[in-house]
Amino acid sequence: MPASRWNGRYVGVGNGSWGGSFNYQRLDEALIAGYATSSTDTGHRGAPRDKSWAEGHPEKQIDFDYRATHETALTAKAVIRRFYGQDASHSYFNSCSNGGRQGLMEAERYPADYEGILSGAPALVWGFDTFVRGDLQAFEQRGGKLVIYHGGLDKPETSTRFYTDVRTTMGDSTVRGFFQLYVIPGMRHCGGGGTPSDVGQTIRASDDADHSLFKALERWVEQGIRPEGVTASRFRVEDEPSSGVTKTRRLRPYSAVPSKR
């Protein structure tokens, strides 16, 4: 990206399936919106639901579980530094499904890689010998911010249980300072459904923090303004704001029990 179009930020994009592939669609969106960006195929190629590539290759399993995402972040930051002559001002991660899991693994294992992580419908047990544990203390202490969103038609219990476990371990006050969960009524896996379900999963330069969880996360990281909610939108044509908004719905962060504001 030309320096004149770069907004100074870096965003990593995850891989949403077993199959090794680069998420070119999300890369394009991030670039168009002004971000330096990267993606990884986690070191292998395969069909979306095929994991035969991992048989007898524990090193490939480790790459898939967590190492490839971390190494990609380190390499991308080095390339940014060399190309632009400066570090990115802030680093973010945005992905869904297995990519959402990758974001949580980053927060747990490599809390310095990203300052803000938007994790959609994270597949918490979609790995081999490693699992998302919810150990977010180091990430929180470094000032990291985490937002998870999960469709109401997509078995959100995995995310609500994860959120509740983290809050039980770390305490409500601490969690409210760095971690939010949004359950989107009527939303399917990562998007879609018959109700307003666009909450900024797609990065767009024109979005604002009131209508985009990614922009709200960005503001939380850079300005310290904790999101109070997001307005979900339904467009005439999915993923195309220019087609017109047909319906909106205001959503609040998930809370298993009432908490003082």
C-alpha atoms as a PDB file:
ATOM      1  CA  MET A   1       0.000   0.000   0.000  1.00  0.00           C
ATOM      2  CA  PRO A   2       1.353   3.513  -0.852  1.00  0.00           C
ATOM      3  CA  ALA A   3       2.384   5.464   2.232  1.00  0.00           C
ATOM      4  CA  SER A   4      -0.070   8.209   1.305  1.00  0.00           C
ATOM      5  CA  ARG A   5      -3.010   5.794   1.720  1.00  0.00           C
ATOM      6  CA  TRP A   6      -1.826   3.988   4.858  1.00  0.00           C
ATOM      7  CA  ASN A   7      -3.635   4.940   8.056  1.00  0.00           C
ATOM      8  CA  GLY A   8      -0.668   3.823  10.159  1.00  0.00           C
ATOM      9  CA  ARG A   9      -2.367   0.708  11.526  1.00  0.00           C
ATOM     10  CA  TYR A  10      -1.901  -3.022  10.946  1.00  0.00           C
ATOM     11  CA  VAL A  11      -4.629  -5.671  10.980  1.00  0.00           C
ATOM     12  CA  GLY A  12      -4.068  -9.414  10.882  1.00  0.00           C
ATOM     13  CA  VAL A  13      -6.662 -11.623   9.178  1.00  0.00           C
ATOM     14  CA  GLY A  14      -7.247 -15.216  10.272  1.00  0.00           C
ATOM     15  CA  ASN A  15      -7.971 -18.446   8.425  1.00  0.00           C
ATOM     16  CA  GLY A  16     -11.501 -19.752   8.908  1.00  0.00           C
ATOM     17  CA  SER A  17     -11.223 -23.467   8.086  1.00  0.00           C
ATOM     18  CA  TRP A  18      -9.095 -26.612   8.242  1.00  0.00           C
ATOM     19  CA  GLY A  19      -8.032 -26.083   4.652  1.00  0.00           C
ATOM     20  CA  GLY A  20      -4.987 -23.928   4.090  1.00  0.00           C
ATOM     21  CA  SER A  21      -5.902 -20.730   2.276  1.00  0.00           C
ATOM     22  CA  PHE A  22      -5.337 -17.010   2.365  1.00  0.00           C
ATOM     23  CA  ASN A  23      -8.362 -14.882   3.174  1.00  0.00           C
ATOM     24  CA  TYR A  24      -8.057 -12.635   0.127  1.00  0.00           C
ATOM     25  CA  GLN A  25     -11.503 -11.093   0.567  1.00  0.00           C
ATOM     26  CA  ARG A  26     -10.712  -9.805   4.054  1.00  0.00           C
ATOM     27  CA  LEU A  27      -7.239  -8.738   2.931  1.00  0.00           C
ATOM     28  CA  ASP A  28      -8.776  -6.664   0.134  1.00  0.00           C
ATOM     29  CA  GLU A  29     -11.252  -5.056   2.525  1.00  0.00           C
ATOM     30  CA  ALA A  30      -8.531  -4.091   4.983  1.00  0.00           C
ATOM     31  CA  LEU A  31      -6.304  -2.670   2.248  1.00  0.00           C
ATOM     32  CA  ILE A  32      -9.111  -0.629   0.723  1.00  0.00           C
ATOM     33  CA  ALA A  33      -9.880   0.767   4.176  1.00  0.00           C
ATOM     34  CA  GLY A  34      -6.271   1.934   4.563  1.00  0.00           C
ATOM     35  CA  TYR A  35      -4.697  -0.750   6.756  1.00  0.00           C
ATOM     36  CA  ALA A  36      -1.501  -2.701   6.246  1.00  0.00           C
ATOM     37  CA  THR A  37      -2.623  -6.311   6.513  1.00  0.00           C
ATOM     38  CA  SER A  38      -1.573  -9.954   6.446  1.00  0.00           C
ATOM     39  CA  SER A  39      -3.052 -13.446   6.360  1.00  0.00           C
ATOM     40  CA  THR A  40      -1.678 -16.977   6.608  1.00  0.00           C
ATOM     41  CA  ASP A  41      -2.557 -20.407   5.236  1.00  0.00           C
ATOM     42  CA  THR A  42      -1.036 -21.824   8.480  1.00  0.00           C
ATOM     43  CA  GLY A  43       1.593 -23.657   6.450  1.00  0.00           C
ATOM     44  CA  HIS A  44      -0.488 -26.159   4.497  1.00  0.00           C
ATOM     45  CA  ARG A  45      -2.983 -26.580   1.682  1.00  0.00           C
ATOM     46  CA  GLY A  46      -6.142 -28.657   1.753  1.00  0.00           C
ATOM     47  CA  ALA A  47      -9.901 -28.781   1.352  1.00  0.00           C
ATOM     48  CA  PRO A  48     -11.938 -26.749   3.860  1.00  0.00           C
ATOM     49  CA  ARG A  49     -12.926 -29.794   5.947  1.00  0.00           C
ATOM     50  CA  ASP A  50      -9.883 -31.963   5.276  1.00  0.00           C
ATOM     51  CA  LYS A  51      -7.235 -32.406   7.967  1.00  0.00           C
ATOM     52  CA  SER A  52      -5.345 -35.356   6.466  1.00  0.00           C
ATOM     53  CA  TRP A  53      -2.406 -33.017   5.898  1.00  0.00           C
ATOM     54  CA  ALA A  54      -1.778 -33.155   9.666  1.00  0.00           C
ATOM     55  CA  GLU A  55      -1.499 -36.944   9.951  1.00  0.00           C
ATOM     56  CA  GLY A  56       2.001 -37.789  11.112  1.00  0.00           C
ATOM     57  CA  HIS A  57       3.009 -34.108  11.102  1.00  0.00           C
ATOM     58  CA  PRO A  58       2.842 -32.700  14.636  1.00  0.00           C
ATOM     59  CA  GLU A  59       4.747 -29.612  13.502  1.00  0.00           C
ATOM     60  CA  LYS A  60       1.919 -28.785  11.067  1.00  0.00           C
ATOM     61  CA  GLN A  61      -0.598 -29.244  13.866  1.00  0.00           C
ATOM     62  CA  ILE A  62       1.296 -26.719  15.987  1.00  0.00           C
ATOM     63  CA  ASP A  63       1.416 -24.309  13.059  1.00  0.00           C
ATOM     64  CA  PHE A  64      -2.341 -24.620  12.635  1.00  0.00           C
ATOM     65  CA  ASP A  65      -3.105 -24.307  16.346  1.00  0.00           C
ATOM     66  CA  TYR A  66      -1.125 -21.159  17.089  1.00  0.00           C
ATOM     67  CA  ARG A  67       2.403 -20.798  15.712  1.00  0.00           C
ATOM     68  CA  ALA A  68       1.639 -19.693  12.147  1.00  0.00           C
ATOM     69  CA  THR A  69      -0.578 -16.799  13.264  1.00  0.00           C
ATOM     70  CA  HIS A  70       2.109 -15.555  15.641  1.00  0.00           C
ATOM     71  CA  GLU A  71       4.936 -15.858  13.113  1.00  0.00           C
ATOM     72  CA  THR A  72       2.815 -14.062  10.522  1.00  0.00           C
ATOM     73  CA  ALA A  73       2.269 -11.162  12.922  1.00  0.00           C
ATOM     74  CA  LEU A  74       5.995 -10.868  13.615  1.00  0.00           C
ATOM     75  CA  THR A  75       6.878 -11.031   9.919  1.00  0.00           C
ATOM     76  CA  ALA A  76       4.180  -8.540   8.913  1.00  0.00           C
ATOM     77  CA  LYS A  77       5.379  -6.032  11.500  1.00  0.00           C
ATOM     78  CA  ALA A  78       8.955  -6.395  10.266  1.00  0.00           C
ATOM     79  CA  VAL A  79       7.862  -5.829   6.655  1.00  0.00           C
ATOM     80  CA  ILE A  80       5.846  -2.761   7.692  1.00  0.00           C
ATOM     81  CA  ARG A  81       8.833  -1.346   9.551  1.00  0.00           C
ATOM     82  CA  ARG A  82      11.110  -1.899   6.550  1.00  0.00           C
ATOM     83  CA  PHE A  83       8.662  -0.661   3.902  1.00  0.00           C
ATOM     84  CA  TYR A  84       7.326   2.418   5.701  1.00  0.00           C
ATOM     85  CA  GLY A  85      10.360   3.196   7.811  1.00  0.00           C
ATOM     86  CA  GLN A  86       8.274   3.096  11.000  1.00  0.00           C
ATOM     87  CA  ASP A  87       6.263   0.737  13.144  1.00  0.00           C
ATOM     88  CA  ALA A  88       2.497   0.509  12.878  1.00  0.00           C
ATOM     89  CA  SER A  89       0.889   2.789  15.457  1.00  0.00           C
ATOM     90  CA  HIS A  90      -1.540   0.044  16.518  1.00  0.00           C
ATOM     91  CA  SER A  91      -2.116  -3.625  15.659  1.00  0.00           C
ATOM     92  CA  TYR A  92      -5.464  -5.422  15.401  1.00  0.00           C
ATOM     93  CA  PHE A  93      -6.767  -8.883  14.562  1.00  0.00           C
ATOM     94  CA  ASN A  94     -10.106  -9.576  12.880  1.00  0.00           C
ATOM     95  CA  SER A  95     -11.513 -12.967  11.916  1.00  0.00           C
ATOM     96  CA  CYS A  96     -14.310 -15.480  12.481  1.00  0.00           C
ATOM     97  CA  SER A  97     -14.807 -19.198  13.186  1.00  0.00           C
ATOM     98  CA  ASN A  98     -11.392 -20.891  13.273  1.00  0.00           C
ATOM     99  CA  GLY A  99     -10.014 -17.405  12.682  1.00  0.00           C
ATOM    100  CA  GLY A 100     -11.850 -16.276  15.798  1.00  0.00           C
ATOM    101  CA  ARG A 101     -10.120 -19.081  17.691  1.00  0.00           C
ATOM    102  CA  GLN A 102      -6.782 -17.919  16.300  1.00  0.00           C
ATOM    103  CA  GLY A 103      -7.430 -14.478  17.725  1.00  0.00           C
ATOM    104  CA  LEU A 104      -8.066 -15.896  21.187  1.00  0.00           C
ATOM    105  CA  MET A 105      -4.946 -18.053  20.965  1.00  0.00           C
ATOM    106  CA  GLU A 106      -2.990 -14.909  20.124  1.00  0.00           C
ATOM    107  CA  ALA A 107      -4.386 -13.138  23.189  1.00  0.00           C
ATOM    108  CA  GLU A 108      -3.465 -16.088  25.403  1.00  0.00           C
ATOM    109  CA  ARG A 109      -0.064 -17.100  24.073  1.00  0.00           C
ATOM    110  CA  TYR A 110       1.301 -13.933  22.474  1.00  0.00           C
ATOM    111  CA  PRO A 111      -0.369 -10.972  24.198  1.00  0.00           C
ATOM    112  CA  ALA A 112       2.076  -8.486  22.665  1.00  0.00           C
ATOM    113  CA  ASP A 113       1.136  -9.296  19.048  1.00  0.00           C
ATOM    114  CA  TYR A 114      -2.149  -7.377  18.950  1.00  0.00           C
ATOM    115  CA  GLU A 115      -3.652  -4.578  21.010  1.00  0.00           C
ATOM    116  CA  GLY A 116      -7.213  -5.210  19.844  1.00  0.00           C
ATOM    117  CA  ILE A 117      -8.816  -8.498  18.791  1.00  0.00           C
ATOM    118  CA  LEU A 118     -12.245  -8.915  17.174  1.00  0.00           C
ATOM    119  CA  SER A 119     -13.114 -12.604  17.386  1.00  0.00           C
ATOM    120  CA  GLY A 120     -16.243 -13.853  15.619  1.00  0.00           C
ATOM    121  CA  ALA A 121     -17.908 -17.140  16.632  1.00  0.00           C
ATOM    122  CA  PRO A 122     -14.604 -18.588  17.872  1.00  0.00           C
ATOM    123  CA  ALA A 123     -14.268 -22.353  17.417  1.00  0.00           C
ATOM    124  CA  LEU A 124     -12.876 -22.876  20.908  1.00  0.00           C
ATOM    125  CA  VAL A 125     -11.960 -26.553  20.496  1.00  0.00           C
ATOM    126  CA  TRP A 126     -11.083 -26.529  16.803  1.00  0.00           C
ATOM    127  CA  GLY A 127      -7.498 -27.650  17.177  1.00  0.00           C
ATOM    128  CA  PHE A 128      -5.342 -30.659  17.894  1.00  0.00           C
ATOM    129  CA  ASP A 129      -3.511 -30.840  21.222  1.00  0.00           C
ATOM    130  CA  THR A 130      -4.140 -27.248  22.293  1.00  0.00           C
ATOM    131  CA  PHE A 131      -7.310 -25.513  23.370  1.00  0.00           C
ATOM    132  CA  VAL A 132      -8.395 -21.998  24.223  1.00  0.00           C
ATOM    133  CA  ARG A 133      -8.107 -21.853  28.006  1.00  0.00           C
ATOM    134  CA  GLY A 134      -9.224 -18.316  28.782  1.00  0.00           C
ATOM    135  CA  ASP A 135      -5.877 -17.242  30.251  1.00  0.00           C
ATOM    136  CA  LEU A 136      -6.120 -13.558  29.351  1.00  0.00           C
ATOM    137  CA  GLN A 137      -4.353 -11.978  32.311  1.00  0.00           C
ATOM    138  CA  ALA A 138      -1.199 -10.967  30.435  1.00  0.00           C
ATOM    139  CA  PHE A 139      -3.239  -9.583  27.536  1.00  0.00           C
ATOM    140  CA  GLU A 140      -5.357  -7.491  29.923  1.00  0.00           C
ATOM    141  CA  GLN A 141      -2.328  -6.238  31.844  1.00  0.00           C
ATOM    142  CA  ARG A 142      -0.746  -5.025  28.594  1.00  0.00           C
ATOM    143  CA  GLY A 143      -3.865  -2.968  27.894  1.00  0.00           C
ATOM    144  CA  GLY A 144      -5.298  -5.288  25.238  1.00  0.00           C
ATOM    145  CA  LYS A 145      -8.981  -5.155  24.317  1.00  0.00           C
ATOM    146  CA  LEU A 146     -11.046  -8.132  23.191  1.00  0.00           C
ATOM    147  CA  VAL A 147     -14.498  -8.226  21.569  1.00  0.00           C
ATOM    148  CA  ILE A 148     -16.269 -11.481  20.666  1.00  0.00           C
ATOM    149  CA  TYR A 149     -19.466 -11.622  18.594  1.00  0.00           C
ATOM    150  CA  HIS A 150     -21.533 -14.757  18.050  1.00  0.00           C
ATOM    151  CA  GLY A 151     -24.722 -15.427  16.111  1.00  0.00           C
ATOM    152  CA  GLY A 152     -27.812 -16.339  18.104  1.00  0.00           C
ATOM    153  CA  LEU A 153     -28.537 -19.173  15.627  1.00  0.00           C
ATOM    154  CA  ASP A 154     -24.965 -20.469  15.817  1.00  0.00           C
ATOM    155  CA  LYS A 155     -24.870 -22.145  19.242  1.00  0.00           C
ATOM    156  CA  PRO A 156     -23.590 -19.081  21.094  1.00  0.00           C
ATOM    157  CA  GLU A 157     -23.427 -21.080  24.343  1.00  0.00           C
ATOM    158  CA  THR A 158     -19.759 -21.818  23.688  1.00  0.00           C
ATOM    159  CA  SER A 159     -18.947 -18.106  23.751  1.00  0.00           C
ATOM    160  CA  THR A 160     -21.273 -17.211  26.627  1.00  0.00           C
ATOM    161  CA  ARG A 161     -19.745 -20.001  28.694  1.00  0.00           C
ATOM    162  CA  PHE A 162     -16.231 -18.836  27.809  1.00  0.00           C
ATOM    163  CA  TYR A 163     -17.102 -15.250  28.764  1.00  0.00           C
ATOM    164  CA  THR A 164     -18.654 -16.354  32.053  1.00  0.00           C
ATOM    165  CA  ASP A 165     -15.640 -18.510  32.912  1.00  0.00           C
ATOM    166  CA  VAL A 166     -13.234 -15.649  32.255  1.00  0.00           C
ATOM    167  CA  ARG A 167     -15.328 -13.278  34.331  1.00  0.00           C
ATOM    168  CA  THR A 168     -15.496 -15.780  37.188  1.00  0.00           C
ATOM    169  CA  THR A 169     -11.720 -16.153  37.116  1.00  0.00           C
ATOM    170  CA  MET A 170     -10.721 -12.518  36.626  1.00  0.00           C
ATOM    171  CA  GLY A 171     -13.620 -10.695  38.244  1.00  0.00           C
ATOM    172  CA  ASP A 172     -16.417  -8.615  36.753  1.00  0.00           C
ATOM    173  CA  SER A 173     -14.689  -5.259  37.173  1.00  0.00           C
ATOM    174  CA  THR A 174     -11.505  -6.396  35.421  1.00  0.00           C
ATOM    175  CA  VAL A 175     -13.371  -8.076  32.576  1.00  0.00           C
ATOM    176  CA  ARG A 176     -15.537  -5.032  31.920  1.00  0.00           C
ATOM    177  CA  GLY A 177     -12.349  -3.051  31.413  1.00  0.00           C
ATOM    178  CA  PHE A 178     -11.046  -5.111  28.485  1.00  0.00           C
ATOM    179  CA  PHE A 179     -13.486  -7.797  27.251  1.00  0.00           C
ATOM    180  CA  GLN A 180     -16.977  -7.695  25.718  1.00  0.00           C
ATOM    181  CA  LEU A 181     -19.256 -10.294  24.140  1.00  0.00           C
ATOM    182  CA  TYR A 182     -22.146  -9.594  21.758  1.00  0.00           C
ATOM    183  CA  VAL A 183     -24.744 -12.238  20.916  1.00  0.00           C
ATOM    184  CA  ILE A 184     -26.492 -11.251  17.674  1.00  0.00           C
ATOM    185  CA  PRO A 185     -30.154 -12.417  17.607  1.00  0.00           C
ATOM    186  CA  GLY A 186     -31.099 -14.251  14.407  1.00  0.00           C
ATOM    187  CA  MET A 187     -27.543 -14.279  13.076  1.00  0.00           C
ATOM    188  CA  ARG A 188     -26.040 -17.434  11.553  1.00  0.00           C
ATOM    189  CA  HIS A 189     -22.359 -18.425  11.509  1.00  0.00           C
ATOM    190  CA  CYS A 190     -20.261 -15.257  11.208  1.00  0.00           C
ATOM    191  CA  GLY A 191     -23.084 -13.334   9.516  1.00  0.00           C
ATOM    192  CA  GLY A 192     -26.342 -13.572   7.625  1.00  0.00           C
ATOM    193  CA  GLY A 193     -29.783 -14.444   8.876  1.00  0.00           C
ATOM    194  CA  GLY A 194     -33.126 -12.689   8.658  1.00  0.00           C
ATOM    195  CA  THR A 195     -32.398  -9.980  11.224  1.00  0.00           C
ATOM    196  CA  PRO A 196     -29.873  -7.118  11.370  1.00  0.00           C
ATOM    197  CA  SER A 197     -26.532  -8.911  11.614  1.00  0.00           C
ATOM    198  CA  ASP A 198     -23.934  -6.595  10.105  1.00  0.00           C
ATOM    199  CA  VAL A 199     -21.904  -5.332  13.075  1.00  0.00           C
ATOM    200  CA  GLY A 200     -18.671  -4.361  11.351  1.00  0.00           C
ATOM    201  CA  GLN A 201     -17.281  -7.831  10.609  1.00  0.00           C
ATOM    202  CA  THR A 202     -16.207  -6.317   7.315  1.00  0.00           C
ATOM    203  CA  ILE A 203     -13.687  -3.516   7.700  1.00  0.00           C
ATOM    204  CA  ARG A 204     -14.810  -0.387   5.870  1.00  0.00           C
ATOM    205  CA  ALA A 205     -13.209   3.045   5.996  1.00  0.00           C
ATOM    206  CA  SER A 206     -16.660   4.660   6.072  1.00  0.00           C
ATOM    207  CA  ASP A 207     -17.833   2.784   9.193  1.00  0.00           C
ATOM    208  CA  ASP A 208     -18.155   4.446  12.588  1.00  0.00           C
ATOM    209  CA  ALA A 209     -17.880   3.143  16.138  1.00  0.00           C
ATOM    210  CA  ASP A 210     -21.648   3.187  16.608  1.00  0.00           C
ATOM    211  CA  HIS A 211     -22.271   0.713  13.760  1.00  0.00           C
ATOM    212  CA  SER A 212     -19.054  -1.313  13.682  1.00  0.00           C
ATOM    213  CA  LEU A 213     -17.587  -3.459  16.430  1.00  0.00           C
ATOM    214  CA  PHE A 214     -14.210  -3.206  14.719  1.00  0.00           C
ATOM    215  CA  LYS A 215     -14.309   0.594  14.805  1.00  0.00           C
ATOM    216  CA  ALA A 216     -15.615   0.499  18.378  1.00  0.00           C
ATOM    217  CA  LEU A 217     -12.706  -1.765  19.305  1.00  0.00           C
ATOM    218  CA  GLU A 218     -10.284   0.586  17.594  1.00  0.00           C
ATOM    219  CA  ARG A 219     -11.655   3.552  19.538  1.00  0.00           C
ATOM    220  CA  TRP A 220     -11.500   1.564  22.796  1.00  0.00           C
ATOM    221  CA  VAL A 221      -7.820   0.792  22.214  1.00  0.00           C
ATOM    222  CA  GLU A 222      -6.780   4.233  21.043  1.00  0.00           C
ATOM    223  CA  GLN A 223      -9.053   6.544  23.034  1.00  0.00           C
ATOM    224  CA  GLY A 224     -10.023   4.436  26.025  1.00  0.00           C
ATOM    225  CA  ILE A 225     -13.760   4.719  25.275  1.00  0.00           C
ATOM    226  CA  ARG A 226     -15.455   1.461  26.255  1.00  0.00           C
ATOM    227  CA  PRO A 227     -18.244   0.488  23.816  1.00  0.00           C
ATOM    228  CA  GLU A 228     -21.750   0.815  25.239  1.00  0.00           C
ATOM    229  CA  GLY A 229     -23.321  -1.118  22.378  1.00  0.00           C
ATOM    230  CA  VAL A 230     -23.525  -1.373  18.613  1.00  0.00           C
ATOM    231  CA  THR A 231     -26.260  -0.784  16.043  1.00  0.00           C
ATOM    232  CA  ALA A 232     -26.595  -3.879  13.868  1.00  0.00           C
ATOM    233  CA  SER A 233     -27.772  -3.288  10.294  1.00  0.00           C
ATOM    234  CA  ARG A 234     -29.494  -5.314   7.611  1.00  0.00           C
ATOM    235  CA  PHE A 235     -28.814  -4.218   4.034  1.00  0.00           C
ATOM    236  CA  ARG A 236     -30.916  -4.903   0.950  1.00  0.00           C
ATOM    237  CA  VAL A 237     -27.915  -6.827  -0.371  1.00  0.00           C
ATOM    238  CA  GLU A 238     -25.814  -8.568   2.275  1.00  0.00           C
ATOM    239  CA  ASP A 239     -22.406  -6.951   2.892  1.00  0.00           C
ATOM    240  CA  GLU A 240     -23.259  -4.006   0.603  1.00  0.00           C
ATOM    241  CA  PRO A 241     -24.120  -0.830   2.578  1.00  0.00           C
ATOM    242  CA  SER A 242     -24.608   1.047  -0.706  1.00  0.00           C
ATOM    243  CA  SER A 243     -27.686  -1.112  -1.390  1.00  0.00           C
ATOM    244  CA  GLY A 244     -29.486   0.630   1.453  1.00  0.00           C
ATOM    245  CA  VAL A 245     -30.373  -0.182   5.049  1.00  0.00           C
ATOM    246  CA  THR A 246     -33.694  -1.988   5.546  1.00  0.00           C
ATOM    247  CA  LYS A 247     -33.594  -2.524   9.298  1.00  0.00           C
ATOM    248  CA  THR A 248     -31.454  -1.785  12.346  1.00  0.00           C
ATOM    249  CA  ARG A 249     -31.286  -3.076  15.886  1.00  0.00           C
ATOM    250  CA  ARG A 250     -29.413  -1.737  18.905  1.00  0.00           C
ATOM    251  CA  LEU A 251     -27.403  -4.378  20.755  1.00  0.00           C
ATOM    252  CA  ARG A 252     -25.843  -4.232  24.192  1.00  0.00           C
ATOM    253  CA  PRO A 253     -22.858  -6.212  25.514  1.00  0.00           C
ATOM    254  CA  TYR A 254     -23.739  -9.611  26.932  1.00  0.00           C
ATOM    255  CA  SER A 255     -23.906  -9.987  30.694  1.00  0.00           C
ATOM    256  CA  ALA A 256     -24.783 -13.245  32.435  1.00  0.00           C
ATOM    257  CA  VAL A 257     -25.767 -11.386  35.596  1.00  0.00           C
ATOM    258  CA  PRO A 258     -26.578  -7.722  36.177  1.00  0.00           C
ATOM    259  CA  SER A 259     -23.522  -5.629  36.958  1.00  0.00           C
ATOM    260  CA  LYS A 260     -23.214  -2.098  38.260  1.00  0.00           C
ATOM    261  CA  ARG A 261     -22.386   0.505  35.631  1.00  0.00           C
END
